[in-house]
């Protein structure tokens, strides 16, 4: 939300208000003036406590899906920018989404985190039907000047075969600068190497979804 120019003091109403049933999704949506055809449900610091807040609900892991479902008819694509980890919200994403795009940086600890996540996800899919499919893994912040990067990239590609997108997003200082200006990277530095890579990743995503490019 901050990366799209929403000040921390202006985050409400947010996704937390919708998850807690205080508002309907349509009531919390806002347009993003700097990005045509984009609407946003903001994040919120209140999400820190969301696991406890939803704990008494029946099937709390499906609460996010209940929010997304009525939005599908109004939008071409709904993107869930979800945290990694073992929180309730992270576990809710496969129930709410149709496809998963998993970013990973080519370092040892993220590699271990990716392996753990994929094991959990595959085990979940064996128990539950109708969950999101894995559309692909995106390699980000790739810098072949760092020792072991090439080895880790090869491990990720070998063990996931066709699951990894061909395009790799390079480490780019402008990608870390863009959020402080409240702008998407492709607007802040449209000619940067990372912007070019993200455009190519988007093309691969649309190809795998068989959606037209605008």
C-alpha atoms as a PDB file:
ATOM      1  CA  UNK A   1       0.000   0.000   0.000  1.00  0.00           C
ATOM      2  CA  UNK A   2       2.817   2.396   0.881  1.00  0.00           C
ATOM      3  CA  UNK A   3       4.497   1.496  -2.421  1.00  0.00           C
ATOM      4  CA  UNK A   4       1.393   2.796  -4.204  1.00  0.00           C
ATOM      5  CA  UNK A   5       1.503   6.141  -2.423  1.00  0.00           C
ATOM      6  CA  UNK A   6      -0.870   5.444   0.489  1.00  0.00           C
ATOM      7  CA  UNK A   7       0.460   7.144   3.643  1.00  0.00           C
ATOM      8  CA  UNK A   8       0.592   5.001   6.808  1.00  0.00           C
ATOM      9  CA  UNK A   9      -1.903   7.350   8.460  1.00  0.00           C
ATOM     10  CA  UNK A  10      -4.367   6.868   5.591  1.00  0.00           C
ATOM     11  CA  UNK A  11      -4.546   3.060   5.445  1.00  0.00           C
ATOM     12  CA  UNK A  12      -8.082   2.748   6.845  1.00  0.00           C
ATOM     13  CA  UNK A  13     -10.438   1.370   5.777  1.00  0.00           C
ATOM     14  CA  UNK A  14      -8.275  -1.663   5.140  1.00  0.00           C
ATOM     15  CA  UNK A  15      -8.387  -5.386   4.481  1.00  0.00           C
ATOM     16  CA  UNK A  16      -8.434  -5.867   8.263  1.00  0.00           C
ATOM     17  CA  UNK A  17     -11.804  -4.079   8.515  1.00  0.00           C
ATOM     18  CA  UNK A  18     -13.188  -6.409   5.843  1.00  0.00           C
ATOM     19  CA  UNK A  19     -11.744  -9.583   7.367  1.00  0.00           C
ATOM     20  CA  UNK A  20     -13.342  -8.660  10.695  1.00  0.00           C
ATOM     21  CA  UNK A  21     -16.727  -8.070   9.042  1.00  0.00           C
ATOM     22  CA  UNK A  22     -16.884  -4.338   9.758  1.00  0.00           C
ATOM     23  CA  UNK A  23     -17.179  -3.490   6.051  1.00  0.00           C
ATOM     24  CA  UNK A  24     -18.008  -5.205   2.780  1.00  0.00           C
ATOM     25  CA  UNK A  25     -15.079  -5.481   0.325  1.00  0.00           C
ATOM     26  CA  UNK A  26     -16.611  -2.918  -2.042  1.00  0.00           C
ATOM     27  CA  UNK A  27     -16.856  -0.400   0.810  1.00  0.00           C
ATOM     28  CA  UNK A  28     -13.140  -0.560   1.566  1.00  0.00           C
ATOM     29  CA  UNK A  29     -11.872  -0.483  -2.031  1.00  0.00           C
ATOM     30  CA  UNK A  30     -10.160   2.662  -3.254  1.00  0.00           C
ATOM     31  CA  UNK A  31      -8.832   3.676  -6.655  1.00  0.00           C
ATOM     32  CA  UNK A  32      -5.128   4.369  -7.106  1.00  0.00           C
ATOM     33  CA  UNK A  33      -4.858   7.706  -8.872  1.00  0.00           C
ATOM     34  CA  UNK A  34      -1.335   7.087 -10.175  1.00  0.00           C
ATOM     35  CA  UNK A  35      -2.150   3.712 -11.759  1.00  0.00           C
ATOM     36  CA  UNK A  36      -5.036   3.505 -14.253  1.00  0.00           C
ATOM     37  CA  UNK A  37      -7.552   0.674 -13.795  1.00  0.00           C
ATOM     38  CA  UNK A  38      -6.153  -0.325 -10.390  1.00  0.00           C
ATOM     39  CA  UNK A  39      -8.201  -0.567  -7.203  1.00  0.00           C
ATOM     40  CA  UNK A  40      -6.728  -1.391  -3.815  1.00  0.00           C
ATOM     41  CA  UNK A  41      -7.682  -2.928  -0.499  1.00  0.00           C
ATOM     42  CA  UNK A  42      -4.922  -1.589   1.728  1.00  0.00           C
ATOM     43  CA  UNK A  43      -2.884  -3.551   4.202  1.00  0.00           C
ATOM     44  CA  UNK A  44      -2.926  -2.601   7.863  1.00  0.00           C
ATOM     45  CA  UNK A  45      -0.877  -2.948  11.076  1.00  0.00           C
ATOM     46  CA  UNK A  46      -4.069  -4.515  12.493  1.00  0.00           C
ATOM     47  CA  UNK A  47      -3.201  -7.661  10.531  1.00  0.00           C
ATOM     48  CA  UNK A  48      -0.624  -8.416  13.227  1.00  0.00           C
ATOM     49  CA  UNK A  49      -3.507  -9.467  15.492  1.00  0.00           C
ATOM     50  CA  UNK A  50      -5.727 -10.985  12.806  1.00  0.00           C
ATOM     51  CA  UNK A  51      -4.998 -14.618  13.754  1.00  0.00           C
ATOM     52  CA  UNK A  52      -6.320 -14.025  17.253  1.00  0.00           C
ATOM     53  CA  UNK A  53      -9.257 -11.972  15.991  1.00  0.00           C
ATOM     54  CA  UNK A  54     -10.433 -14.713  13.616  1.00  0.00           C
ATOM     55  CA  UNK A  55      -9.642 -17.664  15.871  1.00  0.00           C
ATOM     56  CA  UNK A  56     -13.249 -18.162  17.004  1.00  0.00           C
ATOM     57  CA  UNK A  57     -14.670 -18.289  13.477  1.00  0.00           C
ATOM     58  CA  UNK A  58     -15.667 -21.581  11.879  1.00  0.00           C
ATOM     59  CA  UNK A  59     -13.084 -22.393   9.176  1.00  0.00           C
ATOM     60  CA  UNK A  60     -11.176 -19.094   9.590  1.00  0.00           C
ATOM     61  CA  UNK A  61      -8.788 -20.072   6.790  1.00  0.00           C
ATOM     62  CA  UNK A  62     -11.660 -19.534   4.326  1.00  0.00           C
ATOM     63  CA  UNK A  63     -12.441 -15.983   5.442  1.00  0.00           C
ATOM     64  CA  UNK A  64     -10.149 -14.475   2.803  1.00  0.00           C
ATOM     65  CA  UNK A  65     -11.852 -16.531   0.077  1.00  0.00           C
ATOM     66  CA  UNK A  66     -15.212 -15.134   1.160  1.00  0.00           C
ATOM     67  CA  UNK A  67     -13.853 -11.628   0.600  1.00  0.00           C
ATOM     68  CA  UNK A  68     -12.314 -12.333  -2.804  1.00  0.00           C
ATOM     69  CA  UNK A  69     -15.290 -14.200  -4.253  1.00  0.00           C
ATOM     70  CA  UNK A  70     -17.624 -11.188  -4.710  1.00  0.00           C
ATOM     71  CA  UNK A  71     -14.791  -9.157  -6.284  1.00  0.00           C
ATOM     72  CA  UNK A  72     -14.117 -11.610  -9.104  1.00  0.00           C
ATOM     73  CA  UNK A  73     -17.091 -10.431 -11.159  1.00  0.00           C
ATOM     74  CA  UNK A  74     -15.913  -6.800 -11.066  1.00  0.00           C
ATOM     75  CA  UNK A  75     -12.242  -7.201 -11.984  1.00  0.00           C
ATOM     76  CA  UNK A  76     -10.217  -8.919 -14.697  1.00  0.00           C
ATOM     77  CA  UNK A  77      -7.570  -9.976 -12.164  1.00  0.00           C
ATOM     78  CA  UNK A  78      -7.479  -9.935  -8.364  1.00  0.00           C
ATOM     79  CA  UNK A  79      -3.944 -10.025  -6.935  1.00  0.00           C
ATOM     80  CA  UNK A  80      -3.327 -11.034  -3.329  1.00  0.00           C
ATOM     81  CA  UNK A  81      -0.012  -9.688  -2.057  1.00  0.00           C
ATOM     82  CA  UNK A  82       0.405 -12.132   0.790  1.00  0.00           C
ATOM     83  CA  UNK A  83       3.082 -12.624   3.450  1.00  0.00           C
ATOM     84  CA  UNK A  84       5.222 -15.711   3.694  1.00  0.00           C
ATOM     85  CA  UNK A  85       5.227 -17.814   6.836  1.00  0.00           C
ATOM     86  CA  UNK A  86       2.808 -19.873   8.855  1.00  0.00           C
ATOM     87  CA  UNK A  87       0.227 -17.278   9.836  1.00  0.00           C
ATOM     88  CA  UNK A  88      -3.488 -17.812   9.292  1.00  0.00           C
ATOM     89  CA  UNK A  89      -3.519 -15.183   6.552  1.00  0.00           C
ATOM     90  CA  UNK A  90      -0.675 -16.872   4.662  1.00  0.00           C
ATOM     91  CA  UNK A  91      -2.424 -20.231   4.976  1.00  0.00           C
ATOM     92  CA  UNK A  92      -5.649 -18.683   3.670  1.00  0.00           C
ATOM     93  CA  UNK A  93      -4.219 -17.793   0.255  1.00  0.00           C
ATOM     94  CA  UNK A  94      -4.461 -21.247  -1.425  1.00  0.00           C
ATOM     95  CA  UNK A  95      -8.156 -21.308  -0.502  1.00  0.00           C
ATOM     96  CA  UNK A  96      -8.801 -17.839  -1.922  1.00  0.00           C
ATOM     97  CA  UNK A  97      -6.636 -17.816  -5.057  1.00  0.00           C
ATOM     98  CA  UNK A  98      -6.788 -19.715  -8.321  1.00  0.00           C
ATOM     99  CA  UNK A  99      -3.025 -19.580  -8.892  1.00  0.00           C
ATOM    100  CA  UNK A 100       0.097 -18.953  -6.809  1.00  0.00           C
ATOM    101  CA  UNK A 101       3.148 -16.964  -7.909  1.00  0.00           C
ATOM    102  CA  UNK A 102       5.944 -17.506  -5.382  1.00  0.00           C
ATOM    103  CA  UNK A 103       8.913 -15.091  -5.295  1.00  0.00           C
ATOM    104  CA  UNK A 104      12.237 -16.249  -3.869  1.00  0.00           C
ATOM    105  CA  UNK A 105      15.667 -14.665  -3.541  1.00  0.00           C
ATOM    106  CA  UNK A 106      18.659 -16.899  -4.379  1.00  0.00           C
ATOM    107  CA  UNK A 107      20.127 -17.204  -0.890  1.00  0.00           C
ATOM    108  CA  UNK A 108      20.365 -20.224   1.376  1.00  0.00           C
ATOM    109  CA  UNK A 109      17.716 -19.336   3.980  1.00  0.00           C
ATOM    110  CA  UNK A 110      15.064 -18.322   1.406  1.00  0.00           C
ATOM    111  CA  UNK A 111      15.872 -21.583  -0.415  1.00  0.00           C
ATOM    112  CA  UNK A 112      15.075 -23.515   2.763  1.00  0.00           C
ATOM    113  CA  UNK A 113      11.932 -21.438   3.246  1.00  0.00           C
ATOM    114  CA  UNK A 114      10.811 -22.209  -0.313  1.00  0.00           C
ATOM    115  CA  UNK A 115      11.329 -25.938   0.216  1.00  0.00           C
ATOM    116  CA  UNK A 116       9.307 -25.877   3.446  1.00  0.00           C
ATOM    117  CA  UNK A 117       6.497 -23.905   1.842  1.00  0.00           C
ATOM    118  CA  UNK A 118       6.267 -26.209  -1.160  1.00  0.00           C
ATOM    119  CA  UNK A 119       6.195 -29.292   1.091  1.00  0.00           C
ATOM    120  CA  UNK A 120       3.364 -27.760   3.134  1.00  0.00           C
ATOM    121  CA  UNK A 121       1.497 -26.723  -0.016  1.00  0.00           C
ATOM    122  CA  UNK A 122       1.750 -30.137  -1.667  1.00  0.00           C
ATOM    123  CA  UNK A 123       0.637 -31.877   1.534  1.00  0.00           C
ATOM    124  CA  UNK A 124      -2.341 -29.520   1.763  1.00  0.00           C
ATOM    125  CA  UNK A 125      -3.319 -30.231  -1.848  1.00  0.00           C
ATOM    126  CA  UNK A 126      -3.368 -33.963  -1.181  1.00  0.00           C
ATOM    127  CA  UNK A 127      -5.933 -33.386   1.595  1.00  0.00           C
ATOM    128  CA  UNK A 128      -8.067 -30.626   0.064  1.00  0.00           C
ATOM    129  CA  UNK A 129      -9.515 -30.295  -3.430  1.00  0.00           C
ATOM    130  CA  UNK A 130     -10.034 -27.073  -5.346  1.00  0.00           C
ATOM    131  CA  UNK A 131      -7.009 -25.243  -3.988  1.00  0.00           C
ATOM    132  CA  UNK A 132      -4.858 -22.836  -5.991  1.00  0.00           C
ATOM    133  CA  UNK A 133      -2.408 -24.282  -8.484  1.00  0.00           C
ATOM    134  CA  UNK A 134       1.245 -23.238  -8.508  1.00  0.00           C
ATOM    135  CA  UNK A 135       1.628 -20.992 -11.545  1.00  0.00           C
ATOM    136  CA  UNK A 136       5.324 -20.420 -11.072  1.00  0.00           C
ATOM    137  CA  UNK A 137       8.306 -19.353  -8.972  1.00  0.00           C
ATOM    138  CA  UNK A 138       9.948 -15.966  -9.599  1.00  0.00           C
ATOM    139  CA  UNK A 139      13.648 -15.515  -8.888  1.00  0.00           C
ATOM    140  CA  UNK A 140      14.185 -11.971  -7.547  1.00  0.00           C
ATOM    141  CA  UNK A 141      17.156  -9.850  -6.436  1.00  0.00           C
ATOM    142  CA  UNK A 142      19.430 -12.074  -8.495  1.00  0.00           C
ATOM    143  CA  UNK A 143      23.069 -10.970  -8.427  1.00  0.00           C
ATOM    144  CA  UNK A 144      25.593 -13.354  -9.929  1.00  0.00           C
ATOM    145  CA  UNK A 145      28.434 -11.393  -8.332  1.00  0.00           C
ATOM    146  CA  UNK A 146      27.395 -12.903  -4.987  1.00  0.00           C
ATOM    147  CA  UNK A 147      29.085 -16.247  -4.237  1.00  0.00           C
ATOM    148  CA  UNK A 148      26.844 -19.315  -4.501  1.00  0.00           C
ATOM    149  CA  UNK A 149      24.088 -17.446  -6.397  1.00  0.00           C
ATOM    150  CA  UNK A 150      24.531 -19.546  -9.541  1.00  0.00           C
ATOM    151  CA  UNK A 151      24.530 -22.772  -7.526  1.00  0.00           C
ATOM    152  CA  UNK A 152      21.333 -21.851  -5.644  1.00  0.00           C
ATOM    153  CA  UNK A 153      19.558 -20.746  -8.844  1.00  0.00           C
ATOM    154  CA  UNK A 154      20.467 -24.084 -10.440  1.00  0.00           C
ATOM    155  CA  UNK A 155      19.136 -25.978  -7.389  1.00  0.00           C
ATOM    156  CA  UNK A 156      15.825 -24.098  -7.553  1.00  0.00           C
ATOM    157  CA  UNK A 157      15.478 -24.697 -11.298  1.00  0.00           C
ATOM    158  CA  UNK A 158      16.480 -28.376 -11.167  1.00  0.00           C
ATOM    159  CA  UNK A 159      14.110 -29.246  -8.341  1.00  0.00           C
ATOM    160  CA  UNK A 160      11.167 -27.311  -9.784  1.00  0.00           C
ATOM    161  CA  UNK A 161      11.737 -27.878 -13.508  1.00  0.00           C
ATOM    162  CA  UNK A 162       9.042 -26.024 -15.488  1.00  0.00           C
ATOM    163  CA  UNK A 163       7.727 -24.314 -12.361  1.00  0.00           C
ATOM    164  CA  UNK A 164      10.324 -21.515 -12.384  1.00  0.00           C
ATOM    165  CA  UNK A 165       9.746 -18.555 -14.693  1.00  0.00           C
ATOM    166  CA  UNK A 166      12.422 -18.088 -17.323  1.00  0.00           C
ATOM    167  CA  UNK A 167      12.935 -14.397 -16.476  1.00  0.00           C
ATOM    168  CA  UNK A 168      15.096 -13.568 -13.458  1.00  0.00           C
ATOM    169  CA  UNK A 169      14.671 -10.181 -11.758  1.00  0.00           C
ATOM    170  CA  UNK A 170      18.120  -8.694 -11.052  1.00  0.00           C
ATOM    171  CA  UNK A 171      19.097  -6.840  -7.899  1.00  0.00           C
ATOM    172  CA  UNK A 172      18.489  -3.169  -8.656  1.00  0.00           C
ATOM    173  CA  UNK A 173      18.927  -0.261  -6.229  1.00  0.00           C
ATOM    174  CA  UNK A 174      16.002   1.575  -7.840  1.00  0.00           C
ATOM    175  CA  UNK A 175      13.675  -1.217  -6.763  1.00  0.00           C
ATOM    176  CA  UNK A 176      14.456  -0.405  -3.125  1.00  0.00           C
ATOM    177  CA  UNK A 177      14.108   3.345  -3.746  1.00  0.00           C
ATOM    178  CA  UNK A 178      10.690   3.241  -5.422  1.00  0.00           C
ATOM    179  CA  UNK A 179       8.550   2.525  -2.301  1.00  0.00           C
ATOM    180  CA  UNK A 180       9.954   5.598  -0.518  1.00  0.00           C
ATOM    181  CA  UNK A 181       8.536   7.675  -3.380  1.00  0.00           C
ATOM    182  CA  UNK A 182       5.158   5.939  -3.216  1.00  0.00           C
ATOM    183  CA  UNK A 183       5.499   4.690  -6.781  1.00  0.00           C
ATOM    184  CA  UNK A 184       5.581   1.310  -8.506  1.00  0.00           C
ATOM    185  CA  UNK A 185       9.049   0.534  -9.821  1.00  0.00           C
ATOM    186  CA  UNK A 186       7.889   0.560 -13.455  1.00  0.00           C
ATOM    187  CA  UNK A 187       6.730   4.168 -12.969  1.00  0.00           C
ATOM    188  CA  UNK A 188       9.644   5.339 -10.833  1.00  0.00           C
ATOM    189  CA  UNK A 189      12.379   3.851 -13.020  1.00  0.00           C
ATOM    190  CA  UNK A 190      10.722   2.482 -16.176  1.00  0.00           C
ATOM    191  CA  UNK A 191      14.034   1.858 -17.959  1.00  0.00           C
ATOM    192  CA  UNK A 192      15.753   0.075 -15.077  1.00  0.00           C
ATOM    193  CA  UNK A 193      16.859  -3.519 -15.447  1.00  0.00           C
ATOM    194  CA  UNK A 194      14.394  -4.701 -12.779  1.00  0.00           C
ATOM    195  CA  UNK A 195      11.466  -2.884 -14.457  1.00  0.00           C
ATOM    196  CA  UNK A 196      12.296  -4.573 -17.736  1.00  0.00           C
ATOM    197  CA  UNK A 197      12.485  -7.949 -15.987  1.00  0.00           C
ATOM    198  CA  UNK A 198       9.127  -7.454 -14.239  1.00  0.00           C
ATOM    199  CA  UNK A 199       7.493  -6.647 -17.579  1.00  0.00           C
ATOM    200  CA  UNK A 200       8.858  -9.903 -18.983  1.00  0.00           C
ATOM    201  CA  UNK A 201       7.692 -11.814 -15.893  1.00  0.00           C
ATOM    202  CA  UNK A 202       4.231 -10.303 -16.407  1.00  0.00           C
ATOM    203  CA  UNK A 203       4.272 -11.530 -19.994  1.00  0.00           C
ATOM    204  CA  UNK A 204       5.132 -15.036 -18.810  1.00  0.00           C
ATOM    205  CA  UNK A 205       2.329 -14.925 -16.232  1.00  0.00           C
ATOM    206  CA  UNK A 206      -0.215 -13.828 -18.832  1.00  0.00           C
ATOM    207  CA  UNK A 207       1.018 -16.534 -21.186  1.00  0.00           C
ATOM    208  CA  UNK A 208       0.605 -19.235 -18.531  1.00  0.00           C
ATOM    209  CA  UNK A 209      -2.851 -17.876 -17.743  1.00  0.00           C
ATOM    210  CA  UNK A 210      -3.613 -17.618 -21.486  1.00  0.00           C
ATOM    211  CA  UNK A 211      -4.718 -14.019 -20.987  1.00  0.00           C
ATOM    212  CA  UNK A 212      -4.293 -11.266 -23.602  1.00  0.00           C
ATOM    213  CA  UNK A 213      -1.593  -8.646 -23.125  1.00  0.00           C
ATOM    214  CA  UNK A 214      -2.942  -5.063 -23.104  1.00  0.00           C
END
